[in-house]
Amino acid sequence: MQEPSISSPQKLWGHPKGLYYLFFAELWERFSFYGMRALLTLYM
């Protein structure tokens, strides 16, 4: 598969497509971080 050209990045809804992959990666990282933090004090 040919790589997309650097001069014409893939877009989705007016933004670089990579933004939405970072959006979901950060969403699930925060899911894990705050989910754990909510349990931590009472667990101790």
PDB file of all heavy atoms in Angstrom:
ATOM      1  N   MET A   1       0.853  -1.207   0.000  1.00  0.00           N
ATOM      2  CA  MET A   1       0.000   0.000   0.000  1.00  0.00           C
ATOM      3  C   MET A   1       0.880   1.245   0.000  1.00  0.00           C
ATOM      4  O   MET A   1       1.825   1.373   0.783  1.00  0.00           O
ATOM      5  CB  MET A   1      -0.896  -0.004   1.249  1.00  0.00           C
ATOM      6  CG  MET A   1      -1.805   1.206   1.344  1.00  0.00           C
ATOM      7  SD  MET A   1      -2.879   1.109   2.817  1.00  0.00           S
ATOM      8  CE  MET A   1      -3.683   2.692   2.679  1.00  0.00           C
ATOM      9  N   GLN A   2       0.561   2.184  -0.870  1.00  0.00           N
ATOM     10  CA  GLN A   2       1.372   3.395  -0.981  1.00  0.00           C
ATOM     11  C   GLN A   2       1.116   4.321   0.197  1.00  0.00           C
ATOM     12  O   GLN A   2      -0.026   4.549   0.594  1.00  0.00           O
ATOM     13  CB  GLN A   2       1.032   4.127  -2.288  1.00  0.00           C
ATOM     14  CG  GLN A   2       1.946   5.334  -2.539  1.00  0.00           C
ATOM     15  CD  GLN A   2       1.615   5.976  -3.873  1.00  0.00           C
ATOM     16  OE1 GLN A   2       0.708   5.514  -4.576  1.00  0.00           O
ATOM     17  NE2 GLN A   2       2.334   7.004  -4.224  1.00  0.00           N
ATOM     18  N   GLU A   3       2.219   4.829   0.766  1.00  0.00           N
ATOM     19  CA  GLU A   3       2.086   5.743   1.896  1.00  0.00           C
ATOM     20  C   GLU A   3       1.477   7.066   1.436  1.00  0.00           C
ATOM     21  O   GLU A   3       1.786   7.558   0.346  1.00  0.00           O
ATOM     22  CB  GLU A   3       3.476   6.019   2.522  1.00  0.00           C
ATOM     23  CG  GLU A   3       4.045   4.842   3.286  1.00  0.00           C
ATOM     24  CD  GLU A   3       3.334   4.649   4.597  1.00  0.00           C
ATOM     25  OE1 GLU A   3       2.758   5.612   5.111  1.00  0.00           O
ATOM     26  OE2 GLU A   3       3.337   3.518   5.097  1.00  0.00           O
ATOM     27  N   PRO A   4       0.642   7.689   2.222  1.00  0.00           N
ATOM     28  CA  PRO A   4       0.121   9.004   1.872  1.00  0.00           C
ATOM     29  C   PRO A   4       1.262  10.004   1.790  1.00  0.00           C
ATOM     30  O   PRO A   4       2.247   9.912   2.515  1.00  0.00           O
ATOM     31  CB  PRO A   4      -0.827   9.340   3.035  1.00  0.00           C
ATOM     32  CG  PRO A   4      -1.089   8.056   3.723  1.00  0.00           C
ATOM     33  CD  PRO A   4       0.088   7.198   3.500  1.00  0.00           C
ATOM     34  N   SER A   5       1.155  10.961   0.929  1.00  0.00           N
ATOM     35  CA  SER A   5       2.227  11.945   0.780  1.00  0.00           C
ATOM     36  C   SER A   5       2.255  12.857   1.978  1.00  0.00           C
ATOM     37  O   SER A   5       1.233  13.167   2.577  1.00  0.00           O
ATOM     38  CB  SER A   5       2.014  12.780  -0.495  1.00  0.00           C
ATOM     39  OG  SER A   5       0.878  13.593  -0.357  1.00  0.00           O
ATOM     40  N   ILE A   6       3.456  13.318   2.289  1.00  0.00           N
ATOM     41  CA  ILE A   6       3.628  14.198   3.441  1.00  0.00           C
ATOM     42  C   ILE A   6       2.956  15.544   3.202  1.00  0.00           C
ATOM     43  O   ILE A   6       2.434  16.177   4.105  1.00  0.00           O
ATOM     44  CB  ILE A   6       5.128  14.380   3.752  1.00  0.00           C
ATOM     45  CG1 ILE A   6       5.727  13.042   4.180  1.00  0.00           C
ATOM     46  CG2 ILE A   6       5.363  15.427   4.811  1.00  0.00           C
ATOM     47  CD1 ILE A   6       7.225  13.068   4.342  1.00  0.00           C
ATOM     48  N   SER A   7       2.921  15.962   1.918  1.00  0.00           N
ATOM     49  CA  SER A   7       2.376  17.280   1.608  1.00  0.00           C
ATOM     50  C   SER A   7       0.848  17.323   1.668  1.00  0.00           C
ATOM     51  O   SER A   7       0.262  18.379   1.725  1.00  0.00           O
ATOM     52  CB  SER A   7       2.843  17.720   0.219  1.00  0.00           C
ATOM     53  OG  SER A   7       2.413  16.779  -0.746  1.00  0.00           O
ATOM     54  N   SER A   8       0.208  16.136   1.615  1.00  0.00           N
ATOM     55  CA  SER A   8      -1.259  16.111   1.653  1.00  0.00           C
ATOM     56  C   SER A   8      -1.734  15.097   2.682  1.00  0.00           C
ATOM     57  O   SER A   8      -2.131  13.988   2.350  1.00  0.00           O
ATOM     58  CB  SER A   8      -1.821  15.749   0.280  1.00  0.00           C
ATOM     59  OG  SER A   8      -1.299  14.511  -0.151  1.00  0.00           O
ATOM     60  N   PRO A   9      -1.626  15.456   3.969  1.00  0.00           N
ATOM     61  CA  PRO A   9      -2.013  14.524   5.029  1.00  0.00           C
ATOM     62  C   PRO A   9      -3.486  14.163   4.948  1.00  0.00           C
ATOM     63  O   PRO A   9      -4.316  14.943   4.494  1.00  0.00           O
ATOM     64  CB  PRO A   9      -1.715  15.320   6.314  1.00  0.00           C
ATOM     65  CG  PRO A   9      -1.724  16.750   5.902  1.00  0.00           C
ATOM     66  CD  PRO A   9      -1.233  16.774   4.494  1.00  0.00           C
ATOM     67  N   GLN A  10      -3.799  12.950   5.409  1.00  0.00           N
ATOM     68  CA  GLN A  10      -5.185  12.511   5.424  1.00  0.00           C
ATOM     69  C   GLN A  10      -5.992  13.377   6.390  1.00  0.00           C
ATOM     70  O   GLN A  10      -5.526  13.701   7.483  1.00  0.00           O
ATOM     71  CB  GLN A  10      -5.255  11.052   5.869  1.00  0.00           C
ATOM     72  CG  GLN A  10      -4.461  10.096   4.999  1.00  0.00           C
ATOM     73  CD  GLN A  10      -4.502   8.693   5.565  1.00  0.00           C
ATOM     74  OE1 GLN A  10      -5.565   8.107   5.747  1.00  0.00           O
ATOM     75  NE2 GLN A  10      -3.336   8.141   5.847  1.00  0.00           N
ATOM     76  N   LYS A  11      -7.208  13.730   5.961  1.00  0.00           N
ATOM     77  CA  LYS A  11      -8.048  14.587   6.787  1.00  0.00           C
ATOM     78  C   LYS A  11      -9.370  13.893   7.079  1.00  0.00           C
ATOM     79  O   LYS A  11      -9.835  13.048   6.324  1.00  0.00           O
ATOM     80  CB  LYS A  11      -8.309  15.921   6.091  1.00  0.00           C
ATOM     81  CG  LYS A  11      -7.076  16.799   5.937  1.00  0.00           C
ATOM     82  CD  LYS A  11      -7.429  18.127   5.298  1.00  0.00           C
ATOM     83  CE  LYS A  11      -6.188  19.006   5.137  1.00  0.00           C
ATOM     84  NZ  LYS A  11      -6.510  20.310   4.506  1.00  0.00           N
ATOM     85  N   LEU A  12      -9.949  14.274   8.198  1.00  0.00           N
ATOM     86  CA  LEU A  12     -11.264  13.787   8.590  1.00  0.00           C
ATOM     87  C   LEU A  12     -11.980  14.924   9.309  1.00  0.00           C
ATOM     88  O   LEU A  12     -11.471  15.435  10.307  1.00  0.00           O
ATOM     89  CB  LEU A  12     -11.132  12.560   9.508  1.00  0.00           C
ATOM     90  CG  LEU A  12     -12.441  11.930   9.997  1.00  0.00           C
ATOM     91  CD1 LEU A  12     -13.239  11.372   8.810  1.00  0.00           C
ATOM     92  CD2 LEU A  12     -12.152  10.817  11.008  1.00  0.00           C
ATOM     93  N   TRP A  13     -13.120  15.339   8.771  1.00  0.00           N
ATOM     94  CA  TRP A  13     -13.887  16.442   9.349  1.00  0.00           C
ATOM     95  C   TRP A  13     -13.040  17.698   9.536  1.00  0.00           C
ATOM     96  O   TRP A  13     -13.120  18.398  10.547  1.00  0.00           O
ATOM     97  CB  TRP A  13     -14.512  16.027  10.675  1.00  0.00           C
ATOM     98  CG  TRP A  13     -15.471  14.882  10.530  1.00  0.00           C
ATOM     99  CD1 TRP A  13     -16.347  14.650   9.507  1.00  0.00           C
ATOM    100  CD2 TRP A  13     -15.653  13.797  11.442  1.00  0.00           C
ATOM    101  NE1 TRP A  13     -17.055  13.493   9.714  1.00  0.00           N
ATOM    102  CE2 TRP A  13     -16.652  12.943  10.903  1.00  0.00           C
ATOM    103  CE3 TRP A  13     -15.075  13.452  12.662  1.00  0.00           C
ATOM    104  CZ2 TRP A  13     -17.071  11.787  11.530  1.00  0.00           C
ATOM    105  CZ3 TRP A  13     -15.497  12.307  13.296  1.00  0.00           C
ATOM    106  CH2 TRP A  13     -16.483  11.483  12.738  1.00  0.00           C
ATOM    107  N   GLY A  14     -12.186  17.958   8.560  1.00  0.00           N
ATOM    108  CA  GLY A  14     -11.413  19.190   8.548  1.00  0.00           C
ATOM    109  C   GLY A  14     -10.134  19.172   9.352  1.00  0.00           C
ATOM    110  O   GLY A  14      -9.408  20.175   9.381  1.00  0.00           O
ATOM    111  N   HIS A  15      -9.831  18.068  10.022  1.00  0.00           N
ATOM    112  CA  HIS A  15      -8.610  17.972  10.822  1.00  0.00           C
ATOM    113  C   HIS A  15      -7.773  16.784  10.349  1.00  0.00           C
ATOM    114  O   HIS A  15      -8.300  15.857   9.716  1.00  0.00           O
ATOM    115  CB  HIS A  15      -8.968  17.791  12.307  1.00  0.00           C
ATOM    116  CG  HIS A  15      -9.506  19.027  12.940  1.00  0.00           C
ATOM    117  ND1 HIS A  15      -8.708  19.987  13.502  1.00  0.00           N
ATOM    118  CD2 HIS A  15     -10.792  19.459  13.100  1.00  0.00           C
ATOM    119  CE1 HIS A  15      -9.466  20.960  13.988  1.00  0.00           C
ATOM    120  NE2 HIS A  15     -10.735  20.657  13.751  1.00  0.00           N
ATOM    121  N   PRO A  16      -6.466  16.801  10.644  1.00  0.00           N
ATOM    122  CA  PRO A  16      -5.650  15.626  10.310  1.00  0.00           C
ATOM    123  C   PRO A  16      -6.250  14.364  10.919  1.00  0.00           C
ATOM    124  O   PRO A  16      -6.674  14.364  12.084  1.00  0.00           O
ATOM    125  CB  PRO A  16      -4.293  15.960  10.949  1.00  0.00           C
ATOM    126  CG  PRO A  16      -4.257  17.448  11.031  1.00  0.00           C
ATOM    127  CD  PRO A  16      -5.680  17.868  11.279  1.00  0.00           C
ATOM    128  N   LYS A  17      -6.293  13.306  10.150  1.00  0.00           N
ATOM    129  CA  LYS A  17      -6.912  12.075  10.613  1.00  0.00           C
ATOM    130  C   LYS A  17      -6.230  11.541  11.870  1.00  0.00           C
ATOM    131  O   LYS A  17      -6.860  10.922  12.730  1.00  0.00           O
ATOM    132  CB  LYS A  17      -6.860  11.031   9.500  1.00  0.00           C
ATOM    133  CG  LYS A  17      -7.761   9.830   9.733  1.00  0.00           C
ATOM    134  CD  LYS A  17      -7.774   8.918   8.505  1.00  0.00           C
ATOM    135  CE  LYS A  17      -8.718   7.727   8.714  1.00  0.00           C
ATOM    136  NZ  LYS A  17      -8.741   6.844   7.526  1.00  0.00           N
ATOM    137  N   GLY A  18      -4.928  11.809  11.982  1.00  0.00           N
ATOM    138  CA  GLY A  18      -4.189  11.344  13.148  1.00  0.00           C
ATOM    139  C   GLY A  18      -4.727  11.891  14.451  1.00  0.00           C
ATOM    140  O   GLY A  18      -4.575  11.268  15.513  1.00  0.00           O
ATOM    141  N   LEU A  19      -5.389  13.073  14.405  1.00  0.00           N
ATOM    142  CA  LEU A  19      -5.946  13.661  15.627  1.00  0.00           C
ATOM    143  C   LEU A  19      -6.921  12.705  16.295  1.00  0.00           C
ATOM    144  O   LEU A  19      -6.922  12.556  17.517  1.00  0.00           O
ATOM    145  CB  LEU A  19      -6.651  14.985  15.293  1.00  0.00           C
ATOM    146  CG  LEU A  19      -7.486  15.594  16.431  1.00  0.00           C
ATOM    147  CD1 LEU A  19      -6.576  16.058  17.566  1.00  0.00           C
ATOM    148  CD2 LEU A  19      -8.326  16.760  15.909  1.00  0.00           C
ATOM    149  N   TYR A  20      -7.736  12.026  15.502  1.00  0.00           N
ATOM    150  CA  TYR A  20      -8.779  11.179  16.069  1.00  0.00           C
ATOM    151  C   TYR A  20      -8.201   9.883  16.642  1.00  0.00           C
ATOM    152  O   TYR A  20      -8.754   9.329  17.602  1.00  0.00           O
ATOM    153  CB  TYR A  20      -9.845  10.909  15.013  1.00  0.00           C
ATOM    154  CG  TYR A  20     -10.467  12.202  14.525  1.00  0.00           C
ATOM    155  CD1 TYR A  20     -10.042  12.811  13.347  1.00  0.00           C
ATOM    156  CD2 TYR A  20     -11.437  12.845  15.295  1.00  0.00           C
ATOM    157  CE1 TYR A  20     -10.588  14.019  12.930  1.00  0.00           C
ATOM    158  CE2 TYR A  20     -11.989  14.057  14.884  1.00  0.00           C
ATOM    159  CZ  TYR A  20     -11.552  14.636  13.709  1.00  0.00           C
ATOM    160  OH  TYR A  20     -12.080  15.833  13.312  1.00  0.00           O
ATOM    161  N   TYR A  21      -7.092   9.427  16.093  1.00  0.00           N
ATOM    162  CA  TYR A  21      -6.414   8.271  16.686  1.00  0.00           C
ATOM    163  C   TYR A  21      -5.787   8.659  18.030  1.00  0.00           C
ATOM    164  O   TYR A  21      -5.842   7.892  18.998  1.00  0.00           O
ATOM    165  CB  TYR A  21      -5.349   7.729  15.728  1.00  0.00           C
ATOM    166  CG  TYR A  21      -5.923   6.914  14.604  1.00  0.00           C
ATOM    167  CD1 TYR A  21      -6.435   7.518  13.473  1.00  0.00           C
ATOM    168  CD2 TYR A  21      -5.973   5.518  14.683  1.00  0.00           C
ATOM    169  CE1 TYR A  21      -6.982   6.770  12.432  1.00  0.00           C
ATOM    170  CE2 TYR A  21      -6.511   4.757  13.657  1.00  0.00           C
ATOM    171  CZ  TYR A  21      -7.018   5.396  12.538  1.00  0.00           C
ATOM    172  OH  TYR A  21      -7.560   4.645  11.526  1.00  0.00           O
ATOM    173  N   LEU A  22      -5.214   9.861  18.092  1.00  0.00           N
ATOM    174  CA  LEU A  22      -4.669  10.336  19.363  1.00  0.00           C
ATOM    175  C   LEU A  22      -5.795  10.606  20.358  1.00  0.00           C
ATOM    176  O   LEU A  22      -5.636  10.374  21.559  1.00  0.00           O
ATOM    177  CB  LEU A  22      -3.838  11.604  19.146  1.00  0.00           C
ATOM    178  CG  LEU A  22      -2.581  11.440  18.285  1.00  0.00           C
ATOM    179  CD1 LEU A  22      -1.875  12.782  18.121  1.00  0.00           C
ATOM    180  CD2 LEU A  22      -1.629  10.418  18.888  1.00  0.00           C
ATOM    181  N   PHE A  23      -6.925  11.092  19.856  1.00  0.00           N
ATOM    182  CA  PHE A  23      -8.107  11.334  20.693  1.00  0.00           C
ATOM    183  C   PHE A  23      -8.529  10.046  21.403  1.00  0.00           C
ATOM    184  O   PHE A  23      -8.696  10.018  22.631  1.00  0.00           O
ATOM    185  CB  PHE A  23      -9.244  11.849  19.802  1.00  0.00           C
ATOM    186  CG  PHE A  23     -10.601  11.901  20.459  1.00  0.00           C
ATOM    187  CD1 PHE A  23     -11.048  13.056  21.074  1.00  0.00           C
ATOM    188  CD2 PHE A  23     -11.450  10.796  20.445  1.00  0.00           C
ATOM    189  CE1 PHE A  23     -12.307  13.116  21.664  1.00  0.00           C
ATOM    190  CE2 PHE A  23     -12.707  10.839  21.033  1.00  0.00           C
ATOM    191  CZ  PHE A  23     -13.135  12.005  21.638  1.00  0.00           C
ATOM    192  N   PHE A  24      -8.663   8.955  20.658  1.00  0.00           N
ATOM    193  CA  PHE A  24      -9.130   7.703  21.255  1.00  0.00           C
ATOM    194  C   PHE A  24      -8.035   7.052  22.112  1.00  0.00           C
ATOM    195  O   PHE A  24      -8.334   6.421  23.134  1.00  0.00           O
ATOM    196  CB  PHE A  24      -9.612   6.739  20.172  1.00  0.00           C
ATOM    197  CG  PHE A  24     -10.982   7.068  19.669  1.00  0.00           C
ATOM    198  CD1 PHE A  24     -11.159   7.639  18.419  1.00  0.00           C
ATOM    199  CD2 PHE A  24     -12.099   6.837  20.451  1.00  0.00           C
ATOM    200  CE1 PHE A  24     -12.429   7.962  17.957  1.00  0.00           C
ATOM    201  CE2 PHE A  24     -13.374   7.155  20.004  1.00  0.00           C
ATOM    202  CZ  PHE A  24     -13.538   7.722  18.745  1.00  0.00           C
ATOM    203  N   ALA A  25      -6.772   7.192  21.716  1.00  0.00           N
ATOM    204  CA  ALA A  25      -5.687   6.649  22.540  1.00  0.00           C
ATOM    205  C   ALA A  25      -5.648   7.342  23.899  1.00  0.00           C
ATOM    206  O   ALA A  25      -5.529   6.695  24.950  1.00  0.00           O
ATOM    207  CB  ALA A  25      -4.348   6.796  21.823  1.00  0.00           C
ATOM    208  N   GLU A  26      -5.774   8.667  23.888  1.00  0.00           N
ATOM    209  CA  GLU A  26      -5.764   9.419  25.147  1.00  0.00           C
ATOM    210  C   GLU A  26      -7.026   9.151  25.955  1.00  0.00           C
ATOM    211  O   GLU A  26      -6.977   9.075  27.186  1.00  0.00           O
ATOM    212  CB  GLU A  26      -5.630  10.919  24.854  1.00  0.00           C
ATOM    213  CG  GLU A  26      -5.692  11.820  26.073  1.00  0.00           C
ATOM    214  CD  GLU A  26      -4.483  11.732  26.984  1.00  0.00           C
ATOM    215  OE1 GLU A  26      -3.619  10.861  26.748  1.00  0.00           O
ATOM    216  OE2 GLU A  26      -4.390  12.514  27.938  1.00  0.00           O
ATOM    217  N   LEU A  27      -8.156   8.989  25.271  1.00  0.00           N
ATOM    218  CA  LEU A  27      -9.409   8.683  25.960  1.00  0.00           C
ATOM    219  C   LEU A  27      -9.254   7.413  26.794  1.00  0.00           C
ATOM    220  O   LEU A  27      -9.605   7.391  27.985  1.00  0.00           O
ATOM    221  CB  LEU A  27     -10.541   8.524  24.941  1.00  0.00           C
ATOM    222  CG  LEU A  27     -11.969   8.304  25.461  1.00  0.00           C
ATOM    223  CD1 LEU A  27     -12.974   8.740  24.393  1.00  0.00           C
ATOM    224  CD2 LEU A  27     -12.254   6.841  25.824  1.00  0.00           C
ATOM    225  N   TRP A  28      -8.712   6.363  26.195  1.00  0.00           N
ATOM    226  CA  TRP A  28      -8.598   5.092  26.915  1.00  0.00           C
ATOM    227  C   TRP A  28      -7.478   5.125  27.960  1.00  0.00           C
ATOM    228  O   TRP A  28      -7.568   4.459  28.986  1.00  0.00           O
ATOM    229  CB  TRP A  28      -8.400   3.948  25.929  1.00  0.00           C
ATOM    230  CG  TRP A  28      -9.666   3.634  25.205  1.00  0.00           C
ATOM    231  CD1 TRP A  28      -9.961   3.869  23.896  1.00  0.00           C
ATOM    232  CD2 TRP A  28     -10.853   3.065  25.783  1.00  0.00           C
ATOM    233  NE1 TRP A  28     -11.242   3.482  23.617  1.00  0.00           N
ATOM    234  CE2 TRP A  28     -11.817   2.985  24.757  1.00  0.00           C
ATOM    235  CE3 TRP A  28     -11.190   2.619  27.056  1.00  0.00           C
ATOM    236  CZ2 TRP A  28     -13.086   2.465  24.966  1.00  0.00           C
ATOM    237  CZ3 TRP A  28     -12.467   2.106  27.276  1.00  0.00           C
ATOM    238  CH2 TRP A  28     -13.396   2.035  26.239  1.00  0.00           C
ATOM    239  N   GLU A  29      -6.445   5.936  27.702  1.00  0.00           N
ATOM    240  CA  GLU A  29      -5.410   6.081  28.738  1.00  0.00           C
ATOM    241  C   GLU A  29      -5.975   6.779  29.960  1.00  0.00           C
ATOM    242  O   GLU A  29      -5.735   6.378  31.098  1.00  0.00           O
ATOM    243  CB  GLU A  29      -4.214   6.857  28.172  1.00  0.00           C
ATOM    244  CG  GLU A  29      -3.038   6.964  29.132  1.00  0.00           C
ATOM    245  CD  GLU A  29      -3.140   8.146  30.085  1.00  0.00           C
ATOM    246  OE1 GLU A  29      -3.771   9.156  29.719  1.00  0.00           O
ATOM    247  OE2 GLU A  29      -2.603   8.053  31.208  1.00  0.00           O
ATOM    248  N   ARG A  30      -6.765   7.832  29.744  1.00  0.00           N
ATOM    249  CA  ARG A  30      -7.401   8.534  30.864  1.00  0.00           C
ATOM    250  C   ARG A  30      -8.449   7.648  31.539  1.00  0.00           C
ATOM    251  O   ARG A  30      -8.669   7.735  32.744  1.00  0.00           O
ATOM    252  CB  ARG A  30      -8.042   9.830  30.390  1.00  0.00           C
ATOM    253  CG  ARG A  30      -7.061  10.893  29.958  1.00  0.00           C
ATOM    254  CD  ARG A  30      -6.272  11.466  31.121  1.00  0.00           C
ATOM    255  NE  ARG A  30      -5.042  10.758  31.423  1.00  0.00           N
ATOM    256  CZ  ARG A  30      -4.219  11.062  32.401  1.00  0.00           C
ATOM    257  NH1 ARG A  30      -4.495  12.064  33.222  1.00  0.00           N
ATOM    258  NH2 ARG A  30      -3.112  10.374  32.615  1.00  0.00           N
ATOM    259  N   PHE A  31      -9.114   6.818  30.741  1.00  0.00           N
ATOM    260  CA  PHE A  31     -10.050   5.835  31.304  1.00  0.00           C
ATOM    261  C   PHE A  31      -9.327   4.974  32.327  1.00  0.00           C
ATOM    262  O   PHE A  31      -9.813   4.766  33.443  1.00  0.00           O
ATOM    263  CB  PHE A  31     -10.602   4.970  30.173  1.00  0.00           C
ATOM    264  CG  PHE A  31     -11.545   3.882  30.635  1.00  0.00           C
ATOM    265  CD1 PHE A  31     -12.916   4.071  30.593  1.00  0.00           C
ATOM    266  CD2 PHE A  31     -11.066   2.660  31.101  1.00  0.00           C
ATOM    267  CE1 PHE A  31     -13.792   3.075  31.022  1.00  0.00           C
ATOM    268  CE2 PHE A  31     -11.928   1.655  31.531  1.00  0.00           C
ATOM    269  CZ  PHE A  31     -13.295   1.872  31.488  1.00  0.00           C
ATOM    270  N   SER A  32      -8.163   4.487  31.960  1.00  0.00           N
ATOM    271  CA  SER A  32      -7.410   3.613  32.863  1.00  0.00           C
ATOM    272  C   SER A  32      -6.882   4.378  34.065  1.00  0.00           C
ATOM    273  O   SER A  32      -6.966   3.917  35.204  1.00  0.00           O
ATOM    274  CB  SER A  32      -6.254   2.936  32.110  1.00  0.00           C
ATOM    275  OG  SER A  32      -5.235   3.856  31.781  1.00  0.00           O
ATOM    276  N   PHE A  33      -6.356   5.585  33.829  1.00  0.00           N
ATOM    277  CA  PHE A  33      -5.715   6.344  34.903  1.00  0.00           C
ATOM    278  C   PHE A  33      -6.731   6.775  35.957  1.00  0.00           C
ATOM    279  O   PHE A  33      -6.529   6.568  37.158  1.00  0.00           O
ATOM    280  CB  PHE A  33      -5.014   7.577  34.315  1.00  0.00           C
ATOM    281  CG  PHE A  33      -4.260   8.388  35.331  1.00  0.00           C
ATOM    282  CD1 PHE A  33      -2.968   8.052  35.686  1.00  0.00           C
ATOM    283  CD2 PHE A  33      -4.843   9.484  35.945  1.00  0.00           C
ATOM    284  CE1 PHE A  33      -2.270   8.790  36.625  1.00  0.00           C
ATOM    285  CE2 PHE A  33      -4.162  10.228  36.884  1.00  0.00           C
ATOM    286  CZ  PHE A  33      -2.872   9.879  37.220  1.00  0.00           C
ATOM    287  N   TYR A  34      -7.847   7.372  35.525  1.00  0.00           N
ATOM    288  CA  TYR A  34      -8.819   7.873  36.490  1.00  0.00           C
ATOM    289  C   TYR A  34      -9.666   6.756  37.081  1.00  0.00           C
ATOM    290  O   TYR A  34     -10.142   6.867  38.217  1.00  0.00           O
ATOM    291  CB  TYR A  34      -9.704   8.942  35.851  1.00  0.00           C
ATOM    292  CG  TYR A  34      -8.995  10.275  35.734  1.00  0.00           C
ATOM    293  CD1 TYR A  34      -8.457  10.702  34.529  1.00  0.00           C
ATOM    294  CD2 TYR A  34      -8.841  11.083  36.852  1.00  0.00           C
ATOM    295  CE1 TYR A  34      -7.786  11.915  34.435  1.00  0.00           C
ATOM    296  CE2 TYR A  34      -8.174  12.300  36.773  1.00  0.00           C
ATOM    297  CZ  TYR A  34      -7.658  12.705  35.554  1.00  0.00           C
ATOM    298  OH  TYR A  34      -6.979  13.896  35.472  1.00  0.00           O
ATOM    299  N   GLY A  35      -9.871   5.680  36.302  1.00  0.00           N
ATOM    300  CA  GLY A  35     -10.564   4.531  36.878  1.00  0.00           C
ATOM    301  C   GLY A  35      -9.785   3.930  38.029  1.00  0.00           C
ATOM    302  O   GLY A  35     -10.347   3.593  39.081  1.00  0.00           O
ATOM    303  N   MET A  36      -8.475   3.814  37.859  1.00  0.00           N
ATOM    304  CA  MET A  36      -7.619   3.297  38.930  1.00  0.00           C
ATOM    305  C   MET A  36      -7.566   4.262  40.100  1.00  0.00           C
ATOM    306  O   MET A  36      -7.676   3.863  41.268  1.00  0.00           O
ATOM    307  CB  MET A  36      -6.214   3.052  38.377  1.00  0.00           C
ATOM    308  CG  MET A  36      -5.218   2.488  39.390  1.00  0.00           C
ATOM    309  SD  MET A  36      -4.482   3.702  40.511  1.00  0.00           S
ATOM    310  CE  MET A  36      -3.482   4.651  39.366  1.00  0.00           C
ATOM    311  N   ARG A  37      -7.417   5.560  39.820  1.00  0.00           N
ATOM    312  CA  ARG A  37      -7.288   6.551  40.886  1.00  0.00           C
ATOM    313  C   ARG A  37      -8.519   6.585  41.779  1.00  0.00           C
ATOM    314  O   ARG A  37      -8.418   6.777  42.999  1.00  0.00           O
ATOM    315  CB  ARG A  37      -7.052   7.942  40.276  1.00  0.00           C
ATOM    316  CG  ARG A  37      -6.569   8.968  41.288  1.00  0.00           C
ATOM    317  CD  ARG A  37      -6.681  10.369  40.777  1.00  0.00           C
ATOM    318  NE  ARG A  37      -8.061  10.819  40.737  1.00  0.00           N
ATOM    319  CZ  ARG A  37      -8.438  12.100  40.681  1.00  0.00           C
ATOM    320  NH1 ARG A  37      -7.524  13.047  40.628  1.00  0.00           N
ATOM    321  NH2 ARG A  37      -9.719  12.436  40.640  1.00  0.00           N
ATOM    322  N   ALA A  38      -9.695   6.380  41.193  1.00  0.00           N
ATOM    323  CA  ALA A  38     -10.931   6.409  41.980  1.00  0.00           C
ATOM    324  C   ALA A  38     -10.966   5.299  43.018  1.00  0.00           C
ATOM    325  O   ALA A  38     -11.573   5.452  44.083  1.00  0.00           O
ATOM    326  CB  ALA A  38     -12.138   6.293  41.047  1.00  0.00           C
ATOM    327  N   LEU A  39     -10.311   4.187  42.720  1.00  0.00           N
ATOM    328  CA  LEU A  39     -10.330   3.043  43.633  1.00  0.00           C
ATOM    329  C   LEU A  39      -9.187   3.067  44.639  1.00  0.00           C
ATOM    330  O   LEU A  39      -9.233   2.361  45.650  1.00  0.00           O
ATOM    331  CB  LEU A  39     -10.238   1.735  42.831  1.00  0.00           C
ATOM    332  CG  LEU A  39     -11.192   1.539  41.644  1.00  0.00           C
ATOM    333  CD1 LEU A  39     -10.926   0.194  40.983  1.00  0.00           C
ATOM    334  CD2 LEU A  39     -12.632   1.637  42.079  1.00  0.00           C
ATOM    335  N   LEU A  40      -8.152   3.862  44.355  1.00  0.00           N
ATOM    336  CA  LEU A  40      -6.871   3.698  45.041  1.00  0.00           C
ATOM    337  C   LEU A  40      -6.941   3.955  46.552  1.00  0.00           C
ATOM    338  O   LEU A  40      -6.477   3.129  47.347  1.00  0.00           O
ATOM    339  CB  LEU A  40      -5.824   4.619  44.396  1.00  0.00           C
ATOM    340  CG  LEU A  40      -4.394   4.485  44.922  1.00  0.00           C
ATOM    341  CD1 LEU A  40      -3.883   3.063  44.760  1.00  0.00           C
ATOM    342  CD2 LEU A  40      -3.471   5.472  44.200  1.00  0.00           C
ATOM    343  N   THR A  41      -7.490   5.092  46.968  1.00  0.00           N
ATOM    344  CA  THR A  41      -7.462   5.439  48.393  1.00  0.00           C
ATOM    345  C   THR A  41      -8.254   4.436  49.235  1.00  0.00           C
ATOM    346  O   THR A  41      -7.779   3.956  50.275  1.00  0.00           O
ATOM    347  CB  THR A  41      -7.997   6.863  48.614  1.00  0.00           C
ATOM    348  OG1 THR A  41      -7.095   7.806  48.024  1.00  0.00           O
ATOM    349  CG2 THR A  41      -8.125   7.166  50.095  1.00  0.00           C
ATOM    350  N   LEU A  42      -9.465   4.113  48.800  1.00  0.00           N
ATOM    351  CA  LEU A  42     -10.262   3.145  49.558  1.00  0.00           C
ATOM    352  C   LEU A  42      -9.627   1.764  49.526  1.00  0.00           C
ATOM    353  O   LEU A  42      -9.733   1.001  50.498  1.00  0.00           O
ATOM    354  CB  LEU A  42     -11.684   3.084  49.007  1.00  0.00           C
ATOM    355  CG  LEU A  42     -12.576   4.272  49.390  1.00  0.00           C
ATOM    356  CD1 LEU A  42     -13.898   4.205  48.655  1.00  0.00           C
ATOM    357  CD2 LEU A  42     -12.795   4.308  50.899  1.00  0.00           C
ATOM    358  N   TYR A  43      -8.943   1.432  48.439  1.00  0.00           N
ATOM    359  CA  TYR A  43      -8.229   0.154  48.367  1.00  0.00           C
ATOM    360  C   TYR A  43      -7.132   0.102  49.426  1.00  0.00           C
ATOM    361  O   TYR A  43      -6.962  -0.907  50.118  1.00  0.00           O
ATOM    362  CB  TYR A  43      -7.643  -0.020  46.970  1.00  0.00           C
ATOM    363  CG  TYR A  43      -6.800  -1.262  46.789  1.00  0.00           C
ATOM    364  CD1 TYR A  43      -7.331  -2.526  47.005  1.00  0.00           C
ATOM    365  CD2 TYR A  43      -5.472  -1.165  46.388  1.00  0.00           C
ATOM    366  CE1 TYR A  43      -6.558  -3.667  46.822  1.00  0.00           C
ATOM    367  CE2 TYR A  43      -4.693  -2.299  46.206  1.00  0.00           C
ATOM    368  CZ  TYR A  43      -5.243  -3.538  46.432  1.00  0.00           C
ATOM    369  OH  TYR A  43      -4.474  -4.672  46.258  1.00  0.00           O
ATOM    370  N   MET A  44      -6.420   1.215  49.607  1.00  0.00           N
ATOM    371  CA  MET A  44      -5.368   1.251  50.626  1.00  0.00           C
ATOM    372  C   MET A  44      -5.963   1.178  52.027  1.00  0.00           C
ATOM    373  O   MET A  44      -5.504   0.401  52.876  1.00  0.00           O
ATOM    374  CB  MET A  44      -4.522   2.522  50.467  1.00  0.00           C
ATOM    375  CG  MET A  44      -3.585   2.506  49.269  1.00  0.00           C
ATOM    376  SD  MET A  44      -2.394   3.881  49.281  1.00  0.00           S
ATOM    377  CE  MET A  44      -3.433   5.244  48.795  1.00  0.00           C
TER     378      MET A  44
END
